Amino acid sequence: MRVIRLASLLVFLSCCSAQILFGQVNTAGLSGLVTNAAGSAIAGVKVKMSNTATGYVRAVITDRFGYYTLRNMPIGHYGIAAEEDGFSLVEESIGIFDSERFRG
């Protein structure tokens, strides 16, 4: 009987700690639409985010509608750049923080 109680307590504590650890995930996301000067969406644009403190880099390509999404990015300050042949390079700075989702 004592072994069953101990095992039940361990299972309960494991479940509780898993929830606490899940809450410690420090990620955020960014999504947006890339357009030209006339406001038309541009497909195939490389969008790159670089964490200014750690050097972590992620890149995606816009879909056929000009949209991009970067999920599960470590929080921090980033430089974001968009480049495509025939267009000027566009660079911005952005800070993303815990559990936030940005659209730009």
PDB file of N, CA and C in Angstrom:
ATOM      1  N   MET A   1       0.825  -1.187   0.000  1.00  0.00           N
ATOM      2  CA  MET A   1       0.000   0.000   0.000  1.00  0.00           C
ATOM      3  C   MET A   1       0.872   1.256   0.000  1.00  0.00           C
ATOM      4  N   ARG A   2       1.943   1.214   0.794  1.00  0.00           N
ATOM      5  CA  ARG A   2       2.843   2.361   0.888  1.00  0.00           C
ATOM      6  C   ARG A   2       3.556   2.614  -0.448  1.00  0.00           C
ATOM      7  N   VAL A   3       3.913   1.539  -1.156  1.00  0.00           N
ATOM      8  CA  VAL A   3       4.585   1.656  -2.447  1.00  0.00           C
ATOM      9  C   VAL A   3       3.650   2.302  -3.470  1.00  0.00           C
ATOM     10  N   ILE A   4       2.384   1.939  -3.452  1.00  0.00           N
ATOM     11  CA  ILE A   4       1.410   2.509  -4.387  1.00  0.00           C
ATOM     12  C   ILE A   4       1.241   4.001  -4.122  1.00  0.00           C
ATOM     13  N   ARG A   5       1.175   4.402  -2.849  1.00  0.00           N
ATOM     14  CA  ARG A   5       1.053   5.824  -2.515  1.00  0.00           C
ATOM     15  C   ARG A   5       2.279   6.598  -2.995  1.00  0.00           C
ATOM     16  N   LEU A   6       3.456   6.035  -2.767  1.00  0.00           N
ATOM     17  CA  LEU A   6       4.688   6.695  -3.189  1.00  0.00           C
ATOM     18  C   LEU A   6       4.725   6.822  -4.711  1.00  0.00           C
ATOM     19  N   ALA A   7       4.357   5.754  -5.409  1.00  0.00           N
ATOM     20  CA  ALA A   7       4.335   5.795  -6.871  1.00  0.00           C
ATOM     21  C   ALA A   7       3.319   6.821  -7.363  1.00  0.00           C
ATOM     22  N   SER A   8       2.155   6.871  -6.727  1.00  0.00           N
ATOM     23  CA  SER A   8       1.132   7.853  -7.107  1.00  0.00           C
ATOM     24  C   SER A   8       1.622   9.269  -6.873  1.00  0.00           C
ATOM     25  N   LEU A   9       2.310   9.488  -5.762  1.00  0.00           N
ATOM     26  CA  LEU A   9       2.851  10.807  -5.456  1.00  0.00           C
ATOM     27  C   LEU A   9       3.902  11.207  -6.491  1.00  0.00           C
ATOM     28  N   LEU A  10       4.767  10.278  -6.874  1.00  0.00           N
ATOM     29  CA  LEU A  10       5.790  10.573  -7.878  1.00  0.00           C
ATOM     30  C   LEU A  10       5.165  10.911  -9.233  1.00  0.00           C
ATOM     31  N   VAL A  11       4.136  10.175  -9.625  1.00  0.00           N
ATOM     32  CA  VAL A  11       3.451  10.464 -10.885  1.00  0.00           C
ATOM     33  C   VAL A  11       2.809  11.845 -10.827  1.00  0.00           C
ATOM     34  N   PHE A  12       2.161  12.161  -9.707  1.00  0.00           N
ATOM     35  CA  PHE A  12       1.521  13.470  -9.540  1.00  0.00           C
ATOM     36  C   PHE A  12       2.552  14.592  -9.615  1.00  0.00           C
ATOM     37  N   LEU A  13       3.669  14.448  -8.907  1.00  0.00           N
ATOM     38  CA  LEU A  13       4.700  15.482  -8.920  1.00  0.00           C
ATOM     39  C   LEU A  13       5.328  15.630 -10.306  1.00  0.00           C
ATOM     40  N   SER A  14       5.489  14.525 -11.015  1.00  0.00           N
ATOM     41  CA  SER A  14       6.027  14.590 -12.376  1.00  0.00           C
ATOM     42  C   SER A  14       5.100  15.374 -13.291  1.00  0.00           C
ATOM     43  N   CYS A  15       3.815  15.144 -13.162  1.00  0.00           N
ATOM     44  CA  CYS A  15       2.841  15.879 -13.982  1.00  0.00           C
ATOM     45  C   CYS A  15       2.861  17.365 -13.645  1.00  0.00           C
ATOM     46  N   CYS A  16       2.954  17.695 -12.367  1.00  0.00           N
ATOM     47  CA  CYS A  16       2.999  19.103 -11.954  1.00  0.00           C
ATOM     48  C   CYS A  16       4.255  19.785 -12.479  1.00  0.00           C
ATOM     49  N   SER A  17       5.397  19.121 -12.371  1.00  0.00           N
ATOM     50  CA  SER A  17       6.638  19.751 -12.824  1.00  0.00           C
ATOM     51  C   SER A  17       6.660  19.888 -14.338  1.00  0.00           C
ATOM     52  N   ALA A  18       6.023  18.977 -15.054  1.00  0.00           N
ATOM     53  CA  ALA A  18       5.966  19.102 -16.511  1.00  0.00           C
ATOM     54  C   ALA A  18       5.202  20.357 -16.901  1.00  0.00           C
ATOM     55  N   GLN A  19       4.129  20.668 -16.185  1.00  0.00           N
ATOM     56  CA  GLN A  19       3.371  21.889 -16.467  1.00  0.00           C
ATOM     57  C   GLN A  19       4.197  23.125 -16.146  1.00  0.00           C
ATOM     58  N   ILE A  20       4.934  23.098 -15.057  1.00  0.00           N
ATOM     59  CA  ILE A  20       5.777  24.232 -14.685  1.00  0.00           C
ATOM     60  C   ILE A  20       6.863  24.434 -15.734  1.00  0.00           C
ATOM     61  N   LEU A  21       7.514  23.363 -16.154  1.00  0.00           N
ATOM     62  CA  LEU A  21       8.567  23.474 -17.158  1.00  0.00           C
ATOM     63  C   LEU A  21       8.016  23.942 -18.495  1.00  0.00           C
ATOM     64  N   PHE A  22       6.815  23.484 -18.853  1.00  0.00           N
ATOM     65  CA  PHE A  22       6.208  23.918 -20.100  1.00  0.00           C
ATOM     66  C   PHE A  22       5.989  25.425 -20.082  1.00  0.00           C
ATOM     67  N   GLY A  23       5.653  25.958 -18.933  1.00  0.00           N
ATOM     68  CA  GLY A  23       5.435  27.391 -18.797  1.00  0.00           C
ATOM     69  C   GLY A  23       6.711  28.198 -18.885  1.00  0.00           C
ATOM     70  N   GLN A  24       7.870  27.555 -18.851  1.00  0.00           N
ATOM     71  CA  GLN A  24       9.147  28.248 -18.893  1.00  0.00           C
ATOM     72  C   GLN A  24       9.687  28.430 -20.307  1.00  0.00           C
ATOM     73  N   VAL A  25       8.956  27.976 -21.305  1.00  0.00           N
ATOM     74  CA  VAL A  25       9.412  28.103 -22.684  1.00  0.00           C
ATOM     75  C   VAL A  25       9.445  29.576 -23.055  1.00  0.00           C
ATOM     76  N   ASN A  26      10.588  30.048 -23.497  1.00  0.00           N
ATOM     77  CA  ASN A  26      10.766  31.461 -23.826  1.00  0.00           C
ATOM     78  C   ASN A  26      10.896  31.648 -25.325  1.00  0.00           C
ATOM     79  N   THR A  27       9.781  31.516 -26.011  1.00  0.00           N
ATOM     80  CA  THR A  27       9.788  31.700 -27.456  1.00  0.00           C
ATOM     81  C   THR A  27       8.673  32.652 -27.870  1.00  0.00           C
ATOM     82  N   ALA A  28       8.789  33.128 -29.073  1.00  0.00           N
ATOM     83  CA  ALA A  28       7.782  34.016 -29.651  1.00  0.00           C
ATOM     84  C   ALA A  28       7.780  33.791 -31.153  1.00  0.00           C
ATOM     85  N   GLY A  29       6.937  34.519 -31.854  1.00  0.00           N
ATOM     86  CA  GLY A  29       6.861  34.343 -33.295  1.00  0.00           C
ATOM     87  C   GLY A  29       6.666  35.656 -34.027  1.00  0.00           C
ATOM     88  N   LEU A  30       6.920  35.615 -35.302  1.00  0.00           N
ATOM     89  CA  LEU A  30       6.776  36.790 -36.155  1.00  0.00           C
ATOM     90  C   LEU A  30       6.209  36.338 -37.490  1.00  0.00           C
ATOM     91  N   SER A  31       5.213  37.047 -37.980  1.00  0.00           N
ATOM     92  CA  SER A  31       4.687  36.760 -39.314  1.00  0.00           C
ATOM     93  C   SER A  31       4.404  38.078 -40.006  1.00  0.00           C
ATOM     94  N   GLY A  32       4.359  38.039 -41.322  1.00  0.00           N
ATOM     95  CA  GLY A  32       4.116  39.273 -42.045  1.00  0.00           C
ATOM     96  C   GLY A  32       3.882  39.055 -43.519  1.00  0.00           C
ATOM     97  N   LEU A  33       3.722  40.165 -44.205  1.00  0.00           N
ATOM     98  CA  LEU A  33       3.469  40.190 -45.634  1.00  0.00           C
ATOM     99  C   LEU A  33       4.492  41.114 -46.271  1.00  0.00           C
ATOM    100  N   VAL A  34       5.159  40.637 -47.299  1.00  0.00           N
ATOM    101  CA  VAL A  34       6.140  41.452 -48.017  1.00  0.00           C
ATOM    102  C   VAL A  34       5.479  41.977 -49.288  1.00  0.00           C
ATOM    103  N   THR A  35       5.524  43.306 -49.452  1.00  0.00           N
ATOM    104  CA  THR A  35       4.915  43.942 -50.621  1.00  0.00           C
ATOM    105  C   THR A  35       5.909  44.872 -51.304  1.00  0.00           C
ATOM    106  N   ASN A  36       5.615  45.219 -52.541  1.00  0.00           N
ATOM    107  CA  ASN A  36       6.427  46.203 -53.258  1.00  0.00           C
ATOM    108  C   ASN A  36       5.848  47.599 -53.007  1.00  0.00           C
ATOM    109  N   ALA A  37       6.417  48.618 -53.634  1.00  0.00           N
ATOM    110  CA  ALA A  37       5.982  50.001 -53.418  1.00  0.00           C
ATOM    111  C   ALA A  37       4.526  50.220 -53.818  1.00  0.00           C
ATOM    112  N   ALA A  38       4.029  49.430 -54.755  1.00  0.00           N
ATOM    113  CA  ALA A  38       2.641  49.556 -55.202  1.00  0.00           C
ATOM    114  C   ALA A  38       1.667  48.799 -54.301  1.00  0.00           C
ATOM    115  N   GLY A  39       2.205  48.038 -53.325  1.00  0.00           N
ATOM    116  CA  GLY A  39       1.351  47.282 -52.413  1.00  0.00           C
ATOM    117  C   GLY A  39       1.055  45.868 -52.855  1.00  0.00           C
ATOM    118  N   SER A  40       1.666  45.420 -53.935  1.00  0.00           N
ATOM    119  CA  SER A  40       1.462  44.046 -54.407  1.00  0.00           C
ATOM    120  C   SER A  40       2.370  43.092 -53.642  1.00  0.00           C
ATOM    121  N   ALA A  41       1.836  41.923 -53.281  1.00  0.00           N
ATOM    122  CA  ALA A  41       2.607  40.917 -52.557  1.00  0.00           C
ATOM    123  C   ALA A  41       3.735  40.385 -53.428  1.00  0.00           C
ATOM    124  N   ILE A  42       4.857  40.039 -52.775  1.00  0.00           N
ATOM    125  CA  ILE A  42       6.015  39.501 -53.489  1.00  0.00           C
ATOM    126  C   ILE A  42       6.308  38.097 -52.966  1.00  0.00           C
ATOM    127  N   ALA A  43       6.229  37.116 -53.842  1.00  0.00           N
ATOM    128  CA  ALA A  43       6.543  35.732 -53.486  1.00  0.00           C
ATOM    129  C   ALA A  43       8.040  35.498 -53.618  1.00  0.00           C
ATOM    130  N   GLY A  44       8.561  34.539 -52.841  1.00  0.00           N
ATOM    131  CA  GLY A  44       9.953  34.123 -52.975  1.00  0.00           C
ATOM    132  C   GLY A  44      10.986  35.029 -52.343  1.00  0.00           C
ATOM    133  N   VAL A  45      10.562  35.931 -51.471  1.00  0.00           N
ATOM    134  CA  VAL A  45      11.503  36.828 -50.798  1.00  0.00           C
ATOM    135  C   VAL A  45      12.126  36.099 -49.610  1.00  0.00           C
ATOM    136  N   LYS A  46      13.442  36.212 -49.459  1.00  0.00           N
ATOM    137  CA  LYS A  46      14.125  35.622 -48.310  1.00  0.00           C
ATOM    138  C   LYS A  46      14.021  36.602 -47.141  1.00  0.00           C
ATOM    139  N   VAL A  47      13.411  36.145 -46.044  1.00  0.00           N
ATOM    140  CA  VAL A  47      13.292  36.934 -44.821  1.00  0.00           C
ATOM    141  C   VAL A  47      14.183  36.271 -43.781  1.00  0.00           C
ATOM    142  N   LYS A  48      15.156  37.016 -43.265  1.00  0.00           N
ATOM    143  CA  LYS A  48      16.141  36.459 -42.338  1.00  0.00           C
ATOM    144  C   LYS A  48      16.125  37.244 -41.031  1.00  0.00           C
ATOM    145  N   MET A  49      16.072  36.519 -39.901  1.00  0.00           N
ATOM    146  CA  MET A  49      16.159  37.135 -38.582  1.00  0.00           C
ATOM    147  C   MET A  49      17.448  36.698 -37.916  1.00  0.00           C
ATOM    148  N   SER A  50      18.183  37.660 -37.349  1.00  0.00           N
ATOM    149  CA  SER A  50      19.447  37.384 -36.664  1.00  0.00           C
ATOM    150  C   SER A  50      19.379  37.970 -35.266  1.00  0.00           C
ATOM    151  N   ASN A  51      19.554  37.124 -34.247  1.00  0.00           N
ATOM    152  CA  ASN A  51      19.567  37.602 -32.864  1.00  0.00           C
ATOM    153  C   ASN A  51      20.846  38.392 -32.643  1.00  0.00           C
ATOM    154  N   THR A  52      20.718  39.652 -32.245  1.00  0.00           N
ATOM    155  CA  THR A  52      21.885  40.523 -32.120  1.00  0.00           C
ATOM    156  C   THR A  52      22.791  40.134 -30.961  1.00  0.00           C
ATOM    157  N   ALA A  53      22.265  39.449 -29.951  1.00  0.00           N
ATOM    158  CA  ALA A  53      23.080  39.067 -28.794  1.00  0.00           C
ATOM    159  C   ALA A  53      23.753  37.711 -28.967  1.00  0.00           C
ATOM    160  N   THR A  54      23.037  36.754 -29.565  1.00  0.00           N
ATOM    161  CA  THR A  54      23.550  35.383 -29.626  1.00  0.00           C
ATOM    162  C   THR A  54      24.054  34.969 -31.002  1.00  0.00           C
ATOM    163  N   GLY A  55      23.647  35.690 -32.038  1.00  0.00           N
ATOM    164  CA  GLY A  55      24.026  35.303 -33.391  1.00  0.00           C
ATOM    165  C   GLY A  55      23.121  34.251 -34.003  1.00  0.00           C
ATOM    166  N   TYR A  56      22.087  33.810 -33.264  1.00  0.00           N
ATOM    167  CA  TYR A  56      21.130  32.830 -33.781  1.00  0.00           C
ATOM    168  C   TYR A  56      20.457  33.396 -35.032  1.00  0.00           C
ATOM    169  N   VAL A  57      20.396  32.605 -36.109  1.00  0.00           N
ATOM    170  CA  VAL A  57      19.830  33.072 -37.377  1.00  0.00           C
ATOM    171  C   VAL A  57      18.785  32.076 -37.868  1.00  0.00           C
ATOM    172  N   ARG A  58      17.664  32.598 -38.348  1.00  0.00           N
ATOM    173  CA  ARG A  58      16.634  31.789 -39.007  1.00  0.00           C
ATOM    174  C   ARG A  58      16.193  32.517 -40.256  1.00  0.00           C
ATOM    175  N   ALA A  59      15.934  31.782 -41.297  1.00  0.00           N
ATOM    176  CA  ALA A  59      15.479  32.381 -42.552  1.00  0.00           C
ATOM    177  C   ALA A  59      14.320  31.569 -43.119  1.00  0.00           C
ATOM    178  N   VAL A  60      13.408  32.272 -43.758  1.00  0.00           N
ATOM    179  CA  VAL A  60      12.280  31.644 -44.449  1.00  0.00           C
ATOM    180  C   VAL A  60      12.085  32.355 -45.782  1.00  0.00           C
ATOM    181  N   ILE A  61      11.307  31.747 -46.642  1.00  0.00           N
ATOM    182  CA  ILE A  61      10.969  32.322 -47.945  1.00  0.00           C
ATOM    183  C   ILE A  61       9.464  32.613 -47.949  1.00  0.00           C
ATOM    184  N   THR A  62       9.079  33.787 -48.449  1.00  0.00           N
ATOM    185  CA  THR A  62       7.653  34.104 -48.505  1.00  0.00           C
ATOM    186  C   THR A  62       6.932  33.139 -49.444  1.00  0.00           C
ATOM    187  N   ASP A  63       5.671  32.851 -49.104  1.00  0.00           N
ATOM    188  CA  ASP A  63       4.876  31.946 -49.931  1.00  0.00           C
ATOM    189  C   ASP A  63       4.368  32.669 -51.187  1.00  0.00           C
ATOM    190  N   ARG A  64       3.536  32.019 -51.949  1.00  0.00           N
ATOM    191  CA  ARG A  64       3.077  32.607 -53.214  1.00  0.00           C
ATOM    192  C   ARG A  64       2.203  33.834 -53.019  1.00  0.00           C
ATOM    193  N   PHE A  65       1.749  34.065 -51.780  1.00  0.00           N
ATOM    194  CA  PHE A  65       0.943  35.245 -51.473  1.00  0.00           C
ATOM    195  C   PHE A  65       1.763  36.333 -50.782  1.00  0.00           C
ATOM    196  N   GLY A  66       3.071  36.103 -50.613  1.00  0.00           N
ATOM    197  CA  GLY A  66       3.954  37.086 -49.989  1.00  0.00           C
ATOM    198  C   GLY A  66       4.040  36.999 -48.479  1.00  0.00           C
ATOM    199  N   TYR A  67       3.411  35.980 -47.872  1.00  0.00           N
ATOM    200  CA  TYR A  67       3.416  35.849 -46.412  1.00  0.00           C
ATOM    201  C   TYR A  67       4.597  35.014 -45.926  1.00  0.00           C
ATOM    202  N   TYR A  68       5.054  35.323 -44.730  1.00  0.00           N
ATOM    203  CA  TYR A  68       6.089  34.532 -44.066  1.00  0.00           C
ATOM    204  C   TYR A  68       5.709  34.366 -42.602  1.00  0.00           C
ATOM    205  N   THR A  69       6.208  33.299 -41.983  1.00  0.00           N
ATOM    206  CA  THR A  69       5.988  33.047 -40.561  1.00  0.00           C
ATOM    207  C   THR A  69       7.243  32.435 -39.973  1.00  0.00           C
ATOM    208  N   LEU A  70       7.690  32.998 -38.874  1.00  0.00           N
ATOM    209  CA  LEU A  70       8.802  32.445 -38.091  1.00  0.00           C
ATOM    210  C   LEU A  70       8.232  32.117 -36.717  1.00  0.00           C
ATOM    211  N   ARG A  71       8.196  30.837 -36.379  1.00  0.00           N
ATOM    212  CA  ARG A  71       7.634  30.393 -35.094  1.00  0.00           C
ATOM    213  C   ARG A  71       8.752  29.931 -34.169  1.00  0.00           C
ATOM    214  N   ASN A  72       8.418  29.902 -32.886  1.00  0.00           N
ATOM    215  CA  ASN A  72       9.322  29.371 -31.858  1.00  0.00           C
ATOM    216  C   ASN A  72      10.705  30.007 -31.895  1.00  0.00           C
ATOM    217  N   MET A  73      10.732  31.302 -32.039  1.00  0.00           N
ATOM    218  CA  MET A  73      11.994  32.046 -32.019  1.00  0.00           C
ATOM    219  C   MET A  73      12.373  32.326 -30.569  1.00  0.00           C
ATOM    220  N   PRO A  74      13.636  32.105 -30.197  1.00  0.00           N
ATOM    221  CA  PRO A  74      14.064  32.487 -28.850  1.00  0.00           C
ATOM    222  C   PRO A  74      13.849  33.991 -28.662  1.00  0.00           C
ATOM    223  N   ILE A  75      13.407  34.381 -27.466  1.00  0.00           N
ATOM    224  CA  ILE A  75      13.149  35.800 -27.240  1.00  0.00           C
ATOM    225  C   ILE A  75      14.440  36.604 -27.323  1.00  0.00           C
ATOM    226  N   GLY A  76      14.315  37.876 -27.665  1.00  0.00           N
ATOM    227  CA  GLY A  76      15.481  38.741 -27.746  1.00  0.00           C
ATOM    228  C   GLY A  76      15.311  39.827 -28.786  1.00  0.00           C
ATOM    229  N   HIS A  77      16.400  40.506 -29.050  1.00  0.00           N
ATOM    230  CA  HIS A  77      16.422  41.573 -30.044  1.00  0.00           C
ATOM    231  C   HIS A  77      17.001  41.019 -31.341  1.00  0.00           C
ATOM    232  N   TYR A  78      16.349  41.327 -32.438  1.00  0.00           N
ATOM    233  CA  TYR A  78      16.720  40.782 -33.737  1.00  0.00           C
ATOM    234  C   TYR A  78      16.885  41.872 -34.781  1.00  0.00           C
ATOM    235  N   GLY A  79      17.747  41.585 -35.729  1.00  0.00           N
ATOM    236  CA  GLY A  79      17.781  42.329 -36.972  1.00  0.00           C
ATOM    237  C   GLY A  79      17.010  41.489 -37.967  1.00  0.00           C
ATOM    238  N   ILE A  80      16.133  42.098 -38.720  1.00  0.00           N
ATOM    239  CA  ILE A  80      15.358  41.364 -39.715  1.00  0.00           C
ATOM    240  C   ILE A  80      15.641  41.982 -41.077  1.00  0.00           C
ATOM    241  N   ALA A  81      15.881  41.137 -42.051  1.00  0.00           N
ATOM    242  CA  ALA A  81      16.216  41.605 -43.398  1.00  0.00           C
ATOM    243  C   ALA A  81      15.382  40.842 -44.419  1.00  0.00           C
ATOM    244  N   ALA A  82      14.960  41.558 -45.453  1.00  0.00           N
ATOM    245  CA  ALA A  82      14.224  40.946 -46.557  1.00  0.00           C
ATOM    246  C   ALA A  82      14.959  41.283 -47.841  1.00  0.00           C
ATOM    247  N   GLU A  83      15.235  40.250 -48.644  1.00  0.00           N
ATOM    248  CA  GLU A  83      15.958  40.497 -49.893  1.00  0.00           C
ATOM    249  C   GLU A  83      15.429  39.620 -51.021  1.00  0.00           C
ATOM    250  N   GLU A  84      15.435  40.213 -52.205  1.00  0.00           N
ATOM    251  CA  GLU A  84      14.996  39.525 -53.414  1.00  0.00           C
ATOM    252  C   GLU A  84      15.665  40.208 -54.597  1.00  0.00           C
ATOM    253  N   ASP A  85      16.053  39.439 -55.593  1.00  0.00           N
ATOM    254  CA  ASP A  85      16.669  40.016 -56.796  1.00  0.00           C
ATOM    255  C   ASP A  85      15.744  41.069 -57.404  1.00  0.00           C
ATOM    256  N   GLY A  86      16.323  42.194 -57.773  1.00  0.00           N
ATOM    257  CA  GLY A  86      15.555  43.256 -58.404  1.00  0.00           C
ATOM    258  C   GLY A  86      14.926  44.234 -57.431  1.00  0.00           C
ATOM    259  N   PHE A  87      15.097  43.985 -56.110  1.00  0.00           N
ATOM    260  CA  PHE A  87      14.536  44.869 -55.092  1.00  0.00           C
ATOM    261  C   PHE A  87      15.638  45.309 -54.138  1.00  0.00           C
ATOM    262  N   SER A  88      15.437  46.439 -53.490  1.00  0.00           N
ATOM    263  CA  SER A  88      16.393  46.915 -52.488  1.00  0.00           C
ATOM    264  C   SER A  88      16.317  46.051 -51.237  1.00  0.00           C
ATOM    265  N   LEU A  89      17.459  45.849 -50.593  1.00  0.00           N
ATOM    266  CA  LEU A  89      17.509  45.153 -49.316  1.00  0.00           C
ATOM    267  C   LEU A  89      16.814  46.020 -48.271  1.00  0.00           C
ATOM    268  N   VAL A  90      15.935  45.422 -47.478  1.00  0.00           N
ATOM    269  CA  VAL A  90      15.239  46.137 -46.408  1.00  0.00           C
ATOM    270  C   VAL A  90      15.666  45.524 -45.088  1.00  0.00           C
ATOM    271  N   GLU A  91      16.119  46.359 -44.141  1.00  0.00           N
ATOM    272  CA  GLU A  91      16.551  45.888 -42.828  1.00  0.00           C
ATOM    273  C   GLU A  91      15.864  46.695 -41.737  1.00  0.00           C
ATOM    274  N   GLU A  92      15.474  46.015 -40.663  1.00  0.00           N
ATOM    275  CA  GLU A  92      14.835  46.638 -39.506  1.00  0.00           C
ATOM    276  C   GLU A  92      15.337  45.949 -38.244  1.00  0.00           C
ATOM    277  N   SER A  93      15.109  46.591 -37.105  1.00  0.00           N
ATOM    278  CA  SER A  93      15.395  45.988 -35.800  1.00  0.00           C
ATOM    279  C   SER A  93      14.075  45.771 -35.082  1.00  0.00           C
ATOM    280  N   ILE A  94      13.994  44.660 -34.348  1.00  0.00           N
ATOM    281  CA  ILE A  94      12.768  44.341 -33.626  1.00  0.00           C
ATOM    282  C   ILE A  94      13.124  43.562 -32.372  1.00  0.00           C
ATOM    283  N   GLY A  95      12.350  43.729 -31.333  1.00  0.00           N
ATOM    284  CA  GLY A  95      12.487  42.923 -30.124  1.00  0.00           C
ATOM    285  C   GLY A  95      11.274  42.024 -30.011  1.00  0.00           C
ATOM    286  N   ILE A  96      11.492  40.720 -29.819  1.00  0.00           N
ATOM    287  CA  ILE A  96      10.367  39.813 -29.578  1.00  0.00           C
ATOM    288  C   ILE A  96      10.542  39.227 -28.190  1.00  0.00           C
ATOM    289  N   PHE A  97       9.431  39.099 -27.495  1.00  0.00           N
ATOM    290  CA  PHE A  97       9.479  38.704 -26.098  1.00  0.00           C
ATOM    291  C   PHE A  97       8.529  37.559 -25.813  1.00  0.00           C
ATOM    292  N   ASP A  98       8.646  36.982 -24.636  1.00  0.00           N
ATOM    293  CA  ASP A  98       7.971  35.766 -24.209  1.00  0.00           C
ATOM    294  C   ASP A  98       6.512  35.681 -24.647  1.00  0.00           C
ATOM    295  N   SER A  99       6.212  34.640 -25.391  1.00  0.00           N
ATOM    296  CA  SER A  99       4.861  34.278 -25.820  1.00  0.00           C
ATOM    297  C   SER A  99       4.180  35.315 -26.698  1.00  0.00           C
ATOM    298  N   GLU A 100       4.903  36.274 -27.212  1.00  0.00           N
ATOM    299  CA  GLU A 100       4.297  37.278 -28.078  1.00  0.00           C
ATOM    300  C   GLU A 100       4.300  36.789 -29.515  1.00  0.00           C
ATOM    301  N   ARG A 101       3.333  37.259 -30.254  1.00  0.00           N
ATOM    302  CA  ARG A 101       3.278  36.996 -31.692  1.00  0.00           C
ATOM    303  C   ARG A 101       3.135  38.342 -32.372  1.00  0.00           C
ATOM    304  N   PHE A 102       4.017  38.610 -33.288  1.00  0.00           N
ATOM    305  CA  PHE A 102       3.997  39.877 -34.012  1.00  0.00           C
ATOM    306  C   PHE A 102       3.582  39.643 -35.439  1.00  0.00           C
ATOM    307  N   ARG A 103       2.928  40.620 -35.967  1.00  0.00           N
ATOM    308  CA  ARG A 103       2.545  40.594 -37.371  1.00  0.00           C
ATOM    309  C   ARG A 103       3.012  41.904 -37.962  1.00  0.00           C
ATOM    310  N   GLY A 104       3.822  41.813 -39.011  1.00  0.00           N
ATOM    311  CA  GLY A 104       4.334  43.045 -39.576  1.00  0.00           C
ATOM    312  C   GLY A 104       4.600  42.943 -41.046  1.00  0.00           C
TER     313      GLY A 104
END
